[in-house]
Amino acid sequence: MRLFNIVFLILFVLSAALQYNDPDPFLWMPLYLYGAFLCFRALQNRYNRTLFIIGLAVYIPFAIYLFFEKDGVLSWMNDHAAENIVQSMKATKPWIEETREFFGLLLLIIALTANMIWLSRKSQKLHLAIGTE
């Protein structure tokens, strides 16, 4: 999990930095930096379940919204044949940006969920070990 968190920490910091030129950097930079912060805390074995739940409580509904939005992921898959989303962004193709944002949130959700499971299991093992001594 150490390598996992290092990779995601770097990925989320870089993603936040790339949002600087985005039309809504004040939304996306904090979202990515919060995920980076939680990966950093996981590297330090500092687990606060509430912080992870707050992140997921923001990321999951937002991802659901982007999935079903008019120019969201469903539109990208059904109306635009899941065209390449790594092409340059054009105002005439808003589904590309919405789909990219959805997958960014999906990565955040995966990282936070994996860390919650790993850290809670690690915490339980520690409590069991302490209780049996």
Protein backbone atom coordinates (compact mmCIF):
# COMPACT_ATOMS: atom_id res chain seq x y z
CA MET A 1 0.00 0.00 0.00
CA ARG A 2 2.96 2.30 0.45
CA LEU A 3 3.67 2.37 -3.29
CA PHE A 4 -0.07 2.69 -4.02
CA ASN A 5 -0.28 5.81 -1.85
CA ILE A 6 2.91 7.33 -3.23
CA VAL A 7 1.62 6.90 -6.80
CA PHE A 8 -1.80 8.35 -5.99
CA LEU A 9 -0.32 11.18 -3.93
CA ILE A 10 1.81 12.23 -6.90
CA LEU A 11 -1.06 11.69 -9.36
CA PHE A 12 -3.47 13.82 -7.33
CA VAL A 13 -0.96 16.65 -6.80
CA LEU A 14 -0.18 16.70 -10.53
CA SER A 15 -3.89 16.60 -11.35
CA ALA A 16 -4.48 19.56 -9.05
CA ALA A 17 -1.65 21.46 -10.73
CA LEU A 18 -3.10 20.76 -14.18
CA GLN A 19 -6.41 22.28 -13.07
CA TYR A 20 -4.77 25.71 -12.92
CA ASN A 21 -5.84 26.44 -16.52
CA ASP A 22 -9.24 24.76 -16.14
CA PRO A 23 -12.39 26.90 -16.25
CA ASP A 24 -13.20 25.84 -12.66
CA PRO A 25 -9.85 25.42 -10.83
CA PHE A 26 -11.31 26.52 -7.48
CA LEU A 27 -13.48 23.40 -7.53
CA TRP A 28 -11.06 20.79 -8.88
CA MET A 29 -7.81 21.82 -7.20
CA PRO A 30 -9.21 21.31 -3.66
CA LEU A 31 -10.88 18.04 -4.69
CA TYR A 32 -7.60 16.57 -5.91
CA LEU A 33 -5.53 18.06 -3.10
CA TYR A 34 -7.88 16.59 -0.50
CA GLY A 35 -7.33 13.15 -2.03
CA ALA A 36 -3.56 13.77 -2.01
CA PHE A 37 -3.76 14.80 1.64
CA LEU A 38 -5.56 11.58 2.58
CA CYS A 39 -3.01 9.48 0.68
CA PHE A 40 -0.26 11.32 2.54
CA ARG A 41 -1.95 10.59 5.87
CA ALA A 42 -2.29 6.94 4.86
CA LEU A 43 1.46 6.87 4.19
CA GLN A 44 1.95 8.05 7.75
CA ASN A 45 -0.50 5.36 9.00
CA ARG A 46 -2.72 8.12 10.35
CA TYR A 47 -6.30 7.03 9.87
CA ASN A 48 -9.23 9.27 10.65
CA ARG A 49 -12.30 7.55 9.27
CA THR A 50 -14.32 10.77 9.34
CA LEU A 51 -11.94 12.48 6.91
CA PHE A 52 -12.31 9.61 4.43
CA ILE A 53 -16.11 9.58 4.79
CA ILE A 54 -16.23 13.33 4.14
CA GLY A 55 -14.21 12.82 0.95
CA LEU A 56 -16.43 10.00 -0.26
CA ALA A 57 -19.57 11.96 0.69
CA VAL A 58 -18.42 14.66 -1.74
CA TYR A 59 -16.87 12.51 -4.49
CA ILE A 60 -19.57 9.86 -4.90
CA PRO A 61 -22.61 12.14 -5.40
CA PHE A 62 -20.58 14.40 -7.70
CA ALA A 63 -19.49 11.38 -9.78
CA ILE A 64 -23.10 10.18 -10.00
CA TYR A 65 -24.14 13.64 -11.14
CA LEU A 66 -21.44 13.71 -13.86
CA PHE A 67 -22.43 10.23 -14.98
CA PHE A 68 -26.07 11.16 -15.61
CA GLU A 69 -25.68 14.84 -16.56
CA LYS A 70 -26.87 15.91 -20.04
CA ASP A 71 -23.31 16.00 -21.42
CA GLY A 72 -21.98 13.42 -18.97
CA VAL A 73 -20.61 9.92 -19.21
CA LEU A 74 -23.85 8.34 -20.45
CA SER A 75 -23.99 10.87 -23.27
CA TRP A 76 -20.34 10.18 -24.09
CA MET A 77 -21.00 6.42 -24.26
CA ASN A 78 -24.40 6.42 -25.97
CA ASP A 79 -24.51 9.55 -28.13
CA HIS A 80 -20.83 9.90 -29.00
CA ALA A 81 -19.70 6.26 -29.25
CA ALA A 82 -17.26 6.63 -26.35
CA GLU A 83 -14.94 8.69 -28.53
CA ASN A 84 -11.37 9.35 -27.48
CA ILE A 85 -11.31 11.57 -24.38
CA VAL A 86 -7.59 12.37 -24.56
CA GLN A 87 -8.06 14.65 -27.55
CA SER A 88 -7.97 18.41 -27.07
CA MET A 89 -10.97 19.91 -25.35
CA LYS A 90 -13.37 21.89 -27.53
CA ALA A 91 -16.39 23.90 -26.47
CA THR A 92 -18.41 21.94 -29.02
CA LYS A 93 -17.62 18.68 -27.16
CA PRO A 94 -18.45 19.27 -23.47
CA TRP A 95 -18.95 15.53 -22.84
CA ILE A 96 -15.19 15.07 -23.10
CA GLU A 97 -14.53 17.37 -20.13
CA GLU A 98 -17.39 15.90 -18.09
CA THR A 99 -16.16 12.35 -18.74
CA ARG A 100 -12.60 13.25 -17.80
CA GLU A 101 -13.86 14.81 -14.58
CA PHE A 102 -15.91 11.69 -13.84
CA PHE A 103 -12.88 9.44 -14.21
CA GLY A 104 -10.84 11.76 -11.99
CA LEU A 105 -13.49 11.39 -9.31
CA LEU A 106 -13.53 7.64 -9.87
CA LEU A 107 -9.79 7.49 -9.17
CA LEU A 108 -10.30 9.52 -6.00
CA ILE A 109 -13.10 7.18 -4.89
CA ILE A 110 -10.97 4.09 -5.57
CA ALA A 111 -7.97 5.49 -3.67
CA LEU A 112 -10.03 6.56 -0.65
CA THR A 113 -12.02 3.31 -0.52
CA ALA A 114 -8.88 1.16 -0.79
CA ASN A 115 -7.23 3.16 1.97
CA MET A 116 -10.30 2.98 4.21
CA ILE A 117 -10.41 -0.80 3.87
CA TRP A 118 -6.66 -1.23 4.34
CA LEU A 119 -6.33 1.20 7.24
CA SER A 120 -9.43 -0.05 9.06
CA ARG A 121 -8.20 -3.67 8.80
CA LYS A 122 -4.78 -2.60 10.00
CA SER A 123 -6.37 -0.73 12.89
CA GLN A 124 -8.52 -3.75 13.81
CA LYS A 125 -5.49 -6.04 13.81
CA LEU A 126 -3.66 -3.61 16.05
CA HIS A 127 -6.58 -3.46 18.50
CA LEU A 128 -6.82 -7.27 18.53
CA ALA A 129 -3.09 -7.59 19.16
CA ILE A 130 -3.21 -5.08 22.01
CA GLY A 131 -6.31 -6.74 23.48
CA THR A 132 -4.72 -10.19 23.52
CA GLU A 133 -1.54 -9.16 25.30
